[in-house]
Protein backbone atom coordinates (compact mmCIF):
# COMPACT_ATOMS: atom_id res chain seq x y z
CA UNK A 1 23.06 6.79 -3.55
CA UNK A 2 24.06 8.15 -6.93
CA UNK A 3 20.99 9.06 -9.01
CA UNK A 4 23.12 9.29 -12.14
CA UNK A 5 23.58 5.51 -12.03
CA UNK A 6 19.87 4.78 -11.72
CA UNK A 7 18.26 2.44 -14.22
CA UNK A 8 15.71 3.91 -16.62
CA UNK A 9 12.15 4.09 -15.31
CA UNK A 10 10.81 1.98 -18.16
CA UNK A 11 12.75 -1.21 -18.84
CA UNK A 12 11.74 -3.89 -21.33
CA UNK A 13 11.07 -7.32 -19.87
CA UNK A 14 13.76 -8.68 -22.20
CA UNK A 15 16.32 -6.53 -20.38
CA UNK A 16 15.87 -8.65 -17.27
CA UNK A 17 17.54 -11.56 -19.09
CA UNK A 18 20.90 -10.51 -17.65
CA UNK A 19 19.79 -11.49 -14.17
CA UNK A 20 19.81 -15.06 -12.95
CA UNK A 21 16.68 -17.00 -12.10
CA UNK A 22 17.86 -17.01 -8.49
CA UNK A 23 18.05 -13.21 -8.41
CA UNK A 24 14.58 -12.81 -9.88
CA UNK A 25 13.12 -15.36 -7.48
CA UNK A 26 14.77 -13.47 -4.61
CA UNK A 27 13.03 -10.26 -5.64
CA UNK A 28 9.72 -12.09 -5.97
CA UNK A 29 10.16 -13.56 -2.50
CA UNK A 30 10.98 -10.16 -0.97
CA UNK A 31 8.09 -8.42 -2.72
CA UNK A 32 5.63 -11.17 -1.76
CA UNK A 33 6.45 -11.28 1.94
CA UNK A 34 6.52 -7.49 2.23
CA UNK A 35 3.35 -6.65 0.32
CA UNK A 36 1.32 -9.37 2.01
CA UNK A 37 1.84 -7.94 5.48
CA UNK A 38 -1.64 -7.17 6.90
CA UNK A 39 -2.68 -3.69 5.79
CA UNK A 40 -5.18 -3.54 8.65
CA UNK A 41 -2.25 -2.90 10.98
CA UNK A 42 -1.85 0.51 9.34
CA UNK A 43 -4.84 1.69 11.38
CA UNK A 44 -2.88 1.18 14.60
CA UNK A 45 0.53 2.76 13.97
CA UNK A 46 2.05 5.98 15.28
CA UNK A 47 2.80 7.60 11.94
CA UNK A 48 1.65 7.59 8.36
CA UNK A 49 4.56 8.25 6.00
CA UNK A 50 4.24 9.26 2.35
CA UNK A 51 7.06 9.09 -0.21
CA UNK A 52 6.11 11.51 -2.99
CA UNK A 53 7.27 11.59 -6.61
CA UNK A 54 6.50 11.14 -10.31
CA UNK A 55 3.68 13.69 -10.13
CA UNK A 56 1.51 11.07 -8.41
CA UNK A 57 -0.81 13.28 -6.44
CA UNK A 58 -2.84 10.20 -5.55
CA UNK A 59 -0.13 9.19 -3.08
CA UNK A 60 -0.97 12.30 -1.09
CA UNK A 61 -4.75 12.21 -1.45
CA UNK A 62 -4.82 8.57 -0.34
CA UNK A 63 -2.69 9.32 2.72
CA UNK A 64 -4.65 12.45 3.60
CA UNK A 65 -7.93 10.52 3.54
CA UNK A 66 -6.45 7.93 5.91
CA UNK A 67 -5.03 10.64 8.15
CA UNK A 68 -8.28 12.59 8.38
CA UNK A 69 -10.30 9.44 9.06
CA UNK A 70 -8.06 8.13 11.86
CA UNK A 71 -7.47 10.50 14.76
CA UNK A 72 -5.34 7.85 16.50
CA UNK A 73 -2.52 8.52 14.04
CA UNK A 74 -0.07 10.85 15.78
CA UNK A 75 2.00 11.94 12.78
CA UNK A 76 1.70 12.45 9.06
CA UNK A 77 5.20 12.66 7.57
CA UNK A 78 5.57 13.63 3.91
CA UNK A 79 8.91 13.04 2.22
CA UNK A 80 9.77 15.52 -0.52
CA UNK A 81 10.30 14.61 -4.17
CA UNK A 82 12.86 15.33 -6.88
CA UNK A 83 12.75 18.95 -8.12
CA UNK A 84 14.31 17.82 -11.41
CA UNK A 85 11.09 16.00 -12.30
CA UNK A 86 8.91 18.05 -14.64
CA UNK A 87 5.84 17.24 -12.53
CA UNK A 88 7.48 18.23 -9.22
CA UNK A 89 5.30 20.28 -6.87
CA UNK A 90 6.68 21.86 -3.72
CA UNK A 91 5.20 20.14 -0.69
CA UNK A 92 3.65 22.79 1.56
CA UNK A 93 0.79 22.84 4.05
CA UNK A 94 -1.19 25.04 1.66
CA UNK A 95 -0.75 22.47 -1.10
CA UNK A 96 -1.83 19.66 1.22
CA UNK A 97 -4.84 21.71 2.33
CA UNK A 98 -5.87 21.98 -1.31
CA UNK A 99 -5.90 18.16 -1.38
CA UNK A 100 -8.18 17.90 1.65
CA UNK A 101 -5.87 18.22 4.65
CA UNK A 102 -7.65 19.71 7.66
CA UNK A 103 -5.82 18.26 10.68
CA UNK A 104 -2.40 19.95 10.58
CA UNK A 105 -1.16 19.17 14.09
CA UNK A 106 1.36 16.36 13.78
CA UNK A 107 2.04 16.99 10.08
CA UNK A 108 5.73 17.19 9.17
CA UNK A 109 7.15 17.89 5.73
CA UNK A 110 10.63 17.29 4.35
CA UNK A 111 11.85 20.78 3.50
CA UNK A 112 14.95 19.86 1.52
CA UNK A 113 14.77 18.32 -1.97
CA UNK A 114 14.89 14.52 -2.15
CA UNK A 115 16.39 13.62 -5.54
CA UNK A 116 16.17 9.88 -4.85
CA UNK A 117 14.52 7.30 -2.63
CA UNK A 118 17.62 7.05 -0.45
CA UNK A 119 17.29 10.74 0.49
CA UNK A 120 13.66 10.17 1.41
CA UNK A 121 14.60 7.14 3.51
CA UNK A 122 17.28 9.07 5.41
CA UNK A 123 14.74 11.77 6.27
CA UNK A 124 12.21 9.16 7.42
CA UNK A 125 14.79 7.64 9.76
CA UNK A 126 15.56 11.10 11.16
CA UNK A 127 11.84 11.68 11.76
CA UNK A 128 11.53 8.39 13.62
CA UNK A 129 14.48 9.22 15.83
CA UNK A 130 13.52 12.86 16.47
CA UNK A 131 9.85 12.15 17.26
CA UNK A 132 10.31 8.74 18.89
CA UNK A 133 7.93 7.15 16.43
CA UNK A 134 7.25 3.57 17.50
CA UNK A 135 5.57 2.27 14.33
CA UNK A 136 4.67 3.53 10.88
CA UNK A 137 2.74 2.80 7.71
CA UNK A 138 4.36 3.57 4.37
CA UNK A 139 1.94 4.90 1.73
CA UNK A 140 3.27 4.60 -1.83
CA UNK A 141 1.90 3.56 -5.22
CA UNK A 142 1.87 -0.26 -5.45
CA UNK A 143 4.47 -0.63 -8.23
CA UNK A 144 7.00 1.42 -6.23
CA UNK A 145 6.12 0.34 -2.70
CA UNK A 146 8.41 -2.68 -2.41
CA UNK A 147 11.52 -0.69 -3.38
CA UNK A 148 10.66 2.15 -1.01
CA UNK A 149 10.04 -0.35 1.79
CA UNK A 150 13.37 -2.11 1.16
CA UNK A 151 15.20 1.23 1.00
CA UNK A 152 13.73 2.47 4.27
CA UNK A 153 14.37 -0.90 5.90
CA UNK A 154 18.02 -0.71 4.83
CA UNK A 155 18.31 2.79 6.31
CA UNK A 156 16.86 1.55 9.61
CA UNK A 157 19.18 -1.46 9.56
CA UNK A 158 22.24 0.77 9.17
CA UNK A 159 21.27 2.75 12.27
CA UNK A 160 20.35 -0.31 14.32
CA UNK A 161 16.69 0.71 14.53
CA UNK A 162 13.82 -1.75 14.40
CA UNK A 163 10.16 -0.81 14.48
CA UNK A 164 7.00 -2.12 12.86
CA UNK A 165 6.69 -0.82 9.29
CA UNK A 166 3.46 -1.60 7.47
CA UNK A 167 3.20 -1.29 3.66
CA UNK A 168 0.11 0.68 2.61
CA UNK A 169 -0.43 0.51 -1.17
CA UNK A 170 -2.16 3.56 -2.58
CA UNK A 171 -5.55 2.83 -4.14
CA UNK A 172 -4.92 3.47 -7.83
CA UNK A 173 -5.69 1.28 -10.88
CA UNK A 174 -2.52 -0.30 -12.30
CA UNK A 175 -3.32 0.91 -15.82
CA UNK A 176 -3.37 4.57 -14.74
CA UNK A 177 -0.67 6.57 -16.58
CA UNK A 178 1.91 8.06 -14.23
CA UNK A 179 2.06 11.85 -14.85
CA UNK A 180 5.86 12.06 -15.03
CA UNK A 181 6.35 9.44 -17.75
CA UNK A 182 2.92 8.43 -19.03
CA UNK A 183 3.85 4.83 -18.20
CA UNK A 184 1.57 2.52 -16.23
CA UNK A 185 2.41 0.28 -13.28
CA UNK A 186 2.64 -2.63 -15.70
CA UNK A 187 5.30 -0.71 -17.66
CA UNK A 188 7.23 0.35 -14.56
CA UNK A 189 7.53 -2.94 -12.65
CA UNK A 190 10.47 -4.30 -14.73
CA UNK A 191 12.44 -1.13 -13.99
CA UNK A 192 11.66 -1.47 -10.30
CA UNK A 193 12.97 -5.05 -10.35
CA UNK A 194 16.15 -3.87 -12.09
CA UNK A 195 16.71 -1.15 -9.53
CA UNK A 196 16.09 -3.44 -6.57
CA UNK A 197 18.66 -5.94 -7.83
CA UNK A 198 21.25 -3.30 -8.74
CA UNK A 199 20.72 -1.42 -5.49
CA UNK A 200 21.06 -4.60 -3.44
CA UNK A 201 24.52 -5.01 -4.93
CA UNK A 202 25.37 -1.44 -3.93
CA UNK A 203 24.01 -1.76 -0.41
CA UNK A 204 21.18 0.74 -0.96
CA UNK A 205 18.23 -1.58 -0.34
CA UNK A 206 17.71 -4.44 2.10
CA UNK A 207 18.80 -7.86 0.96
CA UNK A 208 16.51 -10.88 1.08
CA UNK A 209 18.37 -12.09 4.18
CA UNK A 210 17.81 -8.74 5.90
CA UNK A 211 14.12 -8.86 4.98
CA UNK A 212 13.83 -12.37 6.40
CA UNK A 213 15.52 -11.36 9.64
CA UNK A 214 13.36 -8.27 9.99
CA UNK A 215 10.08 -10.09 9.32
CA UNK A 216 11.02 -12.85 11.73
CA UNK A 217 11.49 -10.16 14.38
CA UNK A 218 8.29 -8.32 13.35
CA UNK A 219 6.10 -11.42 13.51
CA UNK A 220 7.65 -12.68 16.76
CA UNK A 221 7.58 -9.33 18.59
CA UNK A 222 4.51 -7.60 17.12
CA UNK A 223 2.13 -10.36 16.07
CA UNK A 224 -0.71 -8.73 18.01
CA UNK A 225 -0.38 -5.57 15.91
CA UNK A 226 -0.34 -7.52 12.67
CA UNK A 227 -3.23 -9.82 13.51
CA UNK A 228 -5.56 -7.94 15.85
CA UNK A 229 -4.21 -4.44 16.35
CA UNK A 230 -2.37 -3.20 19.46
CA UNK A 231 -3.09 -4.79 22.82
């Protein structure tokens, strides 16, 4: 993934006019079916995974609260952010302790910089393989969650891996300014749509067909997890 070709974070709605109605509907379909997966299943996964960035400390505090409240979670995996961001903070155990982390066994941090979501996704796949993680929940701010989910799903698809992946939107009001840009979720969604569509063309995020195939597998093979928790 080439970060130099990334779309701007804030894109005017009018700039989406270059995409077809079919493309925009495809994004809406993918976002809808992903973000409406039952969040309750996140209480029954192996690992809680956080993709950091944009100075959004609330991604970490939300995940840490979930981690501390649920001793059944085996791993807390924290993907690093982009050191070129002005709000970048090095992810260390001491930093996480300052945010409320107490249970450090099972916590794993990405040591190397992650200048883009693709780098985070590659690390997440490596964690799953190295630790034999059987299921995970992905904690990210709501406006960014669909793109992270599609990027991680694409990385799993490339390696032939399939495992339950539950989206876990961080609890933050959508009108909260993001520290890195001062933009709100409302401002940032058009840019996320632009990136999803551009990155689909470049093979960096899962296509709608790949999402459909994955969710068909997820619902057919892991319905108990999604509906009632593990059996």
